[in-house]
Amino acid sequence: MVSQIQPPTQPEVIYPDSDGQPVANNTIQFGWIVEIKQNIEWLFTENPNVFVAGDLFWYPVEGRNKIVNAPDVLVVLGRPKGDRLCYQQWKEEGIAPQIVFEILSPSNTQTEMDKKLLFYDRYGVEEYYIYDPDRNNLRGWLRSEDGLDVIPQMEDWVSPRLKIRFAPSPEGLQLYRPDGEPFLTYTEISRNAEQERQRAEQERQRAEQERQRAELAEQARRDAIPRLLQMNLSIEQIAQALGLSVEEVQTLAQE
């Protein structure tokens, strides 16, 4: 009896979803990450095929779990929204994130950022933006036929993919939606939502007060008809006095 030698099984490749490092090193960096991610998500709320994530591991090559990066914010146009432990590109129809943002912290080294640029260039990112809030310095790269090229002028630069506008100034960076509205912080959005809730409540109260006034006025006219009839006023005179039609007065008088 001849036994067949089974080929050795390939060990399963594990793709970690964390490296144990914090999402951000300080509150300033974290604030910018949250602001950019949330505002872009809100920008594409109605589009089910735009995936936005923050600090998510991106694996571009199947079977190569050492080839990985975790952009502060990544945007993938053409992939459905939804939770993911990591972004495994071969499971996403091979679509690489088109737009990537990095927010610098004092711990970031030049060597680290050079490696990130090489990674994003090699694996298909189309737009790459770096903002250093401590130095108020904004840089960008845009893909051409030869790879990622530096964007020479970032002032009022409009993202080809997102249509958002970058407006750096001595006071800091401001981003604008395609409709011209500025990106807002979570606090500003919460405050605006509360103001809108209060405005809606005031409108509801005004409408209720108007309804009650109308009911009281209607009741007062109903109550006035018998008294006016007792004063020997004609139906036509009562209708004219109360601003009603003759038919309405006749109907109310019979109730």
Protein backbone atom coordinates (compact mmCIF):
# COMPACT_ATOMS: atom_id res chain seq x y z
CA MET A 1 0.00 0.00 0.00
CA VAL A 2 1.44 3.32 -1.07
CA SER A 3 0.64 6.26 1.16
CA GLN A 4 0.42 9.70 -0.36
CA ILE A 5 2.46 12.46 1.19
CA GLN A 6 0.30 15.44 1.85
CA PRO A 7 1.87 18.78 0.97
CA PRO A 8 2.58 20.94 4.00
CA THR A 9 -0.25 23.30 4.78
CA GLN A 10 0.47 26.99 4.61
CA PRO A 11 0.09 28.73 7.95
CA GLU A 12 -2.74 31.22 8.11
CA VAL A 13 -1.59 34.78 7.74
CA ILE A 14 -2.77 36.99 10.59
CA TYR A 15 -3.45 40.62 9.87
CA PRO A 16 -3.31 42.52 13.18
CA ASP A 17 -5.70 45.42 13.64
CA SER A 18 -3.61 47.22 16.24
CA ASP A 19 0.01 47.85 17.15
CA GLY A 20 -0.72 48.91 20.70
CA GLN A 21 0.07 52.54 19.96
CA PRO A 22 -2.40 55.35 20.73
CA VAL A 23 -4.47 56.88 17.94
CA ALA A 24 -2.93 60.28 18.69
CA ASN A 25 -0.12 61.58 20.87
CA ASN A 26 -1.88 64.72 22.05
CA THR A 27 -5.28 66.39 22.08
CA ILE A 28 -4.43 68.76 19.23
CA GLN A 29 -3.57 65.93 16.86
CA PHE A 30 -6.60 63.92 17.96
CA GLY A 31 -8.89 66.92 17.47
CA TRP A 32 -7.73 67.39 13.89
CA ILE A 33 -8.08 63.68 13.09
CA VAL A 34 -11.66 63.63 14.41
CA GLU A 35 -12.60 66.88 12.66
CA ILE A 36 -11.34 65.78 9.24
CA LYS A 37 -12.79 62.27 9.50
CA GLN A 38 -16.22 63.34 10.73
CA ASN A 39 -16.63 66.24 8.32
CA ILE A 40 -15.74 64.06 5.33
CA GLU A 41 -18.15 61.38 6.58
CA TRP A 42 -20.92 63.99 6.85
CA LEU A 43 -20.01 65.29 3.40
CA PHE A 44 -20.75 61.85 1.94
CA THR A 45 -23.60 60.85 4.26
CA GLU A 46 -25.94 60.15 1.36
CA ASN A 47 -23.39 58.17 -0.65
CA PRO A 48 -23.29 54.52 0.51
CA ASN A 49 -20.08 53.84 -1.39
CA VAL A 50 -17.64 56.14 0.36
CA PHE A 51 -15.67 54.59 3.22
CA VAL A 52 -13.89 56.90 5.67
CA ALA A 53 -11.75 55.70 8.56
CA GLY A 54 -9.27 56.97 11.09
CA ASP A 55 -6.12 55.15 12.20
CA LEU A 56 -7.18 51.96 10.42
CA PHE A 57 -4.53 49.44 9.38
CA TRP A 58 -4.33 49.21 5.59
CA TYR A 59 -2.87 46.02 4.10
CA PRO A 60 -2.39 46.45 0.34
CA VAL A 61 -0.86 43.03 -0.43
CA GLU A 62 -2.44 39.69 0.42
CA GLY A 63 -0.17 37.40 2.42
CA ARG A 64 2.22 40.23 3.33
CA ASN A 65 1.22 41.36 6.79
CA LYS A 66 4.42 43.34 7.24
CA ILE A 67 3.37 45.70 4.47
CA VAL A 68 0.99 47.88 6.41
CA ASN A 69 0.28 51.47 7.30
CA ALA A 70 -2.37 53.23 9.38
CA PRO A 71 -3.16 56.67 7.96
CA ASP A 72 -4.64 59.16 10.39
CA VAL A 73 -7.55 59.50 7.96
CA LEU A 74 -8.18 57.52 4.78
CA VAL A 75 -10.96 57.89 2.24
CA VAL A 76 -11.96 55.16 -0.20
CA LEU A 77 -14.34 56.12 -2.98
CA GLY A 78 -16.20 53.16 -4.39
CA ARG A 79 -16.30 50.98 -1.28
CA PRO A 80 -19.33 50.59 0.99
CA LYS A 81 -19.59 52.12 4.42
CA GLY A 82 -19.35 49.75 7.37
CA ASP A 83 -17.14 48.61 10.19
CA ARG A 84 -13.83 46.92 9.46
CA LEU A 85 -11.10 45.64 11.76
CA CYS A 86 -8.61 46.58 9.06
CA TYR A 87 -8.61 47.43 5.37
CA GLN A 88 -7.49 44.37 3.41
CA GLN A 89 -7.32 45.71 -0.12
CA TRP A 90 -7.72 42.36 -1.93
CA LYS A 91 -11.10 42.00 -0.18
CA GLU A 92 -12.14 45.48 -1.34
CA GLU A 93 -12.07 44.80 -5.11
CA GLY A 94 -8.42 45.84 -5.09
CA ILE A 95 -9.34 49.50 -4.50
CA ALA A 96 -6.70 51.46 -2.64
CA PRO A 97 -7.57 54.50 -0.52
CA GLN A 98 -7.51 57.45 -2.89
CA ILE A 99 -7.07 60.18 -0.26
CA VAL A 100 -4.94 60.08 2.86
CA PHE A 101 -4.38 62.63 5.64
CA GLU A 102 -1.62 62.66 8.23
CA ILE A 103 -1.60 65.01 11.23
CA LEU A 104 1.87 65.43 12.64
CA SER A 105 2.77 65.29 16.31
CA PRO A 106 6.13 66.13 17.90
CA SER A 107 7.01 62.42 17.99
CA ASN A 108 6.88 62.00 14.21
CA THR A 109 10.35 61.80 12.66
CA GLN A 110 11.39 62.79 9.16
CA THR A 111 12.42 59.21 8.44
CA GLU A 112 8.98 57.96 9.47
CA MET A 113 7.22 60.46 7.23
CA ASP A 114 9.54 59.69 4.31
CA LYS A 115 8.59 56.03 4.63
CA LYS A 116 4.91 56.92 4.69
CA LEU A 117 5.28 58.97 1.51
CA LEU A 118 7.05 56.07 -0.18
CA PHE A 119 4.32 53.66 0.95
CA TYR A 120 1.47 55.86 -0.29
CA ASP A 121 3.27 56.49 -3.57
CA ARG A 122 3.93 52.80 -4.12
CA TYR A 123 0.43 51.56 -3.29
CA GLY A 124 -1.72 53.95 -5.25
CA VAL A 125 -2.80 56.90 -3.10
CA GLU A 126 -3.95 59.74 -5.38
CA GLU A 127 -3.98 62.63 -2.89
CA TYR A 128 -1.81 62.87 0.21
CA TYR A 129 -1.99 65.71 2.71
CA ILE A 130 0.16 66.38 5.79
CA TYR A 131 -0.68 69.05 8.34
CA ASP A 132 1.58 70.02 11.22
CA PRO A 133 -0.62 71.96 13.68
CA ASP A 134 2.34 72.94 15.88
CA ARG A 135 4.10 74.68 13.00
CA ASN A 136 0.89 75.45 11.08
CA ASN A 137 2.46 73.87 8.02
CA LEU A 138 0.40 72.21 5.27
CA ARG A 139 1.84 70.10 2.46
CA GLY A 140 0.22 68.05 -0.26
CA TRP A 141 0.96 65.59 -3.03
CA LEU A 142 -1.09 64.70 -6.10
CA ARG A 143 -0.65 61.63 -8.28
CA SER A 144 0.57 62.10 -11.82
CA GLU A 145 1.83 59.62 -14.39
CA ASP A 146 5.13 59.45 -12.51
CA GLY A 147 3.68 59.01 -9.02
CA LEU A 148 2.94 61.46 -6.23
CA ASP A 149 4.14 64.98 -7.06
CA VAL A 150 4.33 67.87 -4.63
CA ILE A 151 1.48 70.37 -4.87
CA PRO A 152 3.40 73.66 -5.20
CA GLN A 153 0.69 75.95 -3.83
CA MET A 154 -1.68 74.75 -1.11
CA GLU A 155 -3.44 78.07 -0.51
CA ASP A 156 -7.05 77.68 -1.70
CA TRP A 157 -6.18 74.28 -3.11
CA VAL A 158 -9.28 72.22 -3.98
CA SER A 159 -9.08 68.45 -3.67
CA PRO A 160 -9.83 66.91 -7.10
CA ARG A 161 -11.61 63.97 -5.48
CA LEU A 162 -13.31 65.46 -2.42
CA LYS A 163 -13.86 69.02 -3.76
CA ILE A 164 -12.97 70.41 -0.34
CA ARG A 165 -10.90 73.59 -0.17
CA PHE A 166 -7.78 74.10 1.93
CA ALA A 167 -7.35 77.61 3.33
CA PRO A 168 -4.15 77.92 5.35
CA SER A 169 -3.55 81.24 7.08
CA PRO A 170 -1.28 82.60 9.83
CA GLU A 171 -4.06 81.77 12.31
CA GLY A 172 -4.25 78.12 11.24
CA LEU A 173 -5.77 75.80 8.68
CA GLN A 174 -9.44 75.97 7.71
CA LEU A 175 -11.10 73.42 5.45
CA TYR A 176 -14.26 74.18 3.50
CA ARG A 177 -16.95 71.93 2.08
CA PRO A 178 -17.86 72.14 -1.63
CA ASP A 179 -20.81 74.36 -0.67
CA GLY A 180 -18.47 76.86 0.97
CA GLU A 181 -19.39 75.96 4.55
CA PRO A 182 -16.40 75.49 6.87
CA PHE A 183 -15.47 72.22 8.51
CA LEU A 184 -16.69 72.28 12.11
CA THR A 185 -15.39 70.73 15.28
CA TYR A 186 -17.53 68.26 17.19
CA THR A 187 -18.24 70.97 19.79
CA GLU A 188 -19.40 73.41 17.10
CA ILE A 189 -21.60 70.79 15.49
CA SER A 190 -23.14 69.87 18.85
CA ARG A 191 -23.78 73.55 19.60
CA ASN A 192 -25.39 74.09 16.18
CA ALA A 193 -27.54 70.99 16.65
CA GLU A 194 -28.72 72.25 20.04
CA GLN A 195 -29.49 75.67 18.59
CA GLU A 196 -31.48 74.03 15.79
CA ARG A 197 -33.34 71.90 18.35
CA GLN A 198 -34.21 75.01 20.36
CA ARG A 199 -35.32 76.86 17.22
CA ALA A 200 -37.55 73.93 16.22
CA GLU A 201 -39.04 73.85 19.72
CA GLN A 202 -39.73 77.59 19.60
CA GLU A 203 -41.43 77.16 16.23
CA ARG A 204 -43.53 74.33 17.65
CA GLN A 205 -44.55 76.48 20.63
CA ARG A 206 -45.44 79.43 18.36
CA ALA A 207 -47.55 77.14 16.16
CA GLU A 208 -49.31 75.76 19.23
CA GLN A 209 -50.00 79.26 20.57
CA GLU A 210 -51.37 80.30 17.18
CA ARG A 211 -53.61 77.23 17.10
CA GLN A 212 -54.92 78.02 20.57
CA ARG A 213 -55.55 81.67 19.62
CA ALA A 214 -57.46 80.54 16.53
CA GLU A 215 -59.57 78.15 18.61
CA LEU A 216 -60.33 80.87 21.18
CA ALA A 217 -61.28 83.32 18.40
CA GLU A 218 -63.51 80.74 16.77
CA GLN A 219 -65.19 79.96 20.07
CA ALA A 220 -65.68 83.67 20.79
CA ARG A 221 -67.45 84.10 17.44
CA ARG A 222 -69.65 81.10 18.13
CA ASP A 223 -70.56 82.50 21.54
CA ALA A 224 -71.30 85.93 20.07
CA ILE A 225 -73.90 84.74 17.55
CA PRO A 226 -76.71 83.99 20.06
CA ARG A 227 -76.16 87.30 21.82
CA LEU A 228 -76.24 89.23 18.57
CA LEU A 229 -79.40 87.45 17.48
CA GLN A 230 -81.00 88.43 20.77
CA MET A 231 -80.10 92.02 19.91
CA ASN A 232 -82.29 91.60 16.80
CA LEU A 233 -79.39 91.83 14.39
CA SER A 234 -79.98 90.13 11.07
CA ILE A 235 -77.95 87.15 9.88
CA GLU A 236 -76.34 89.39 7.27
CA GLN A 237 -75.35 91.98 9.89
CA ILE A 238 -73.88 89.32 12.18
CA ALA A 239 -71.94 87.80 9.29
CA GLN A 240 -70.48 91.19 8.41
CA ALA A 241 -69.63 91.97 12.04
CA LEU A 242 -67.90 88.65 12.68
CA GLY A 243 -66.20 88.32 9.31
CA LEU A 244 -68.17 85.18 8.44
CA SER A 245 -70.30 84.16 5.53
CA VAL A 246 -74.07 84.11 5.85
CA GLU A 247 -74.02 80.33 5.49
CA GLU A 248 -71.49 79.97 8.32
CA VAL A 249 -73.59 82.13 10.64
CA GLN A 250 -76.71 80.14 9.78
CA THR A 251 -74.90 76.85 10.47
CA LEU A 252 -73.48 78.06 13.78
CA ALA A 253 -76.79 79.53 14.85
CA GLN A 254 -78.43 76.11 14.44
CA GLU A 255 -75.86 74.27 16.58
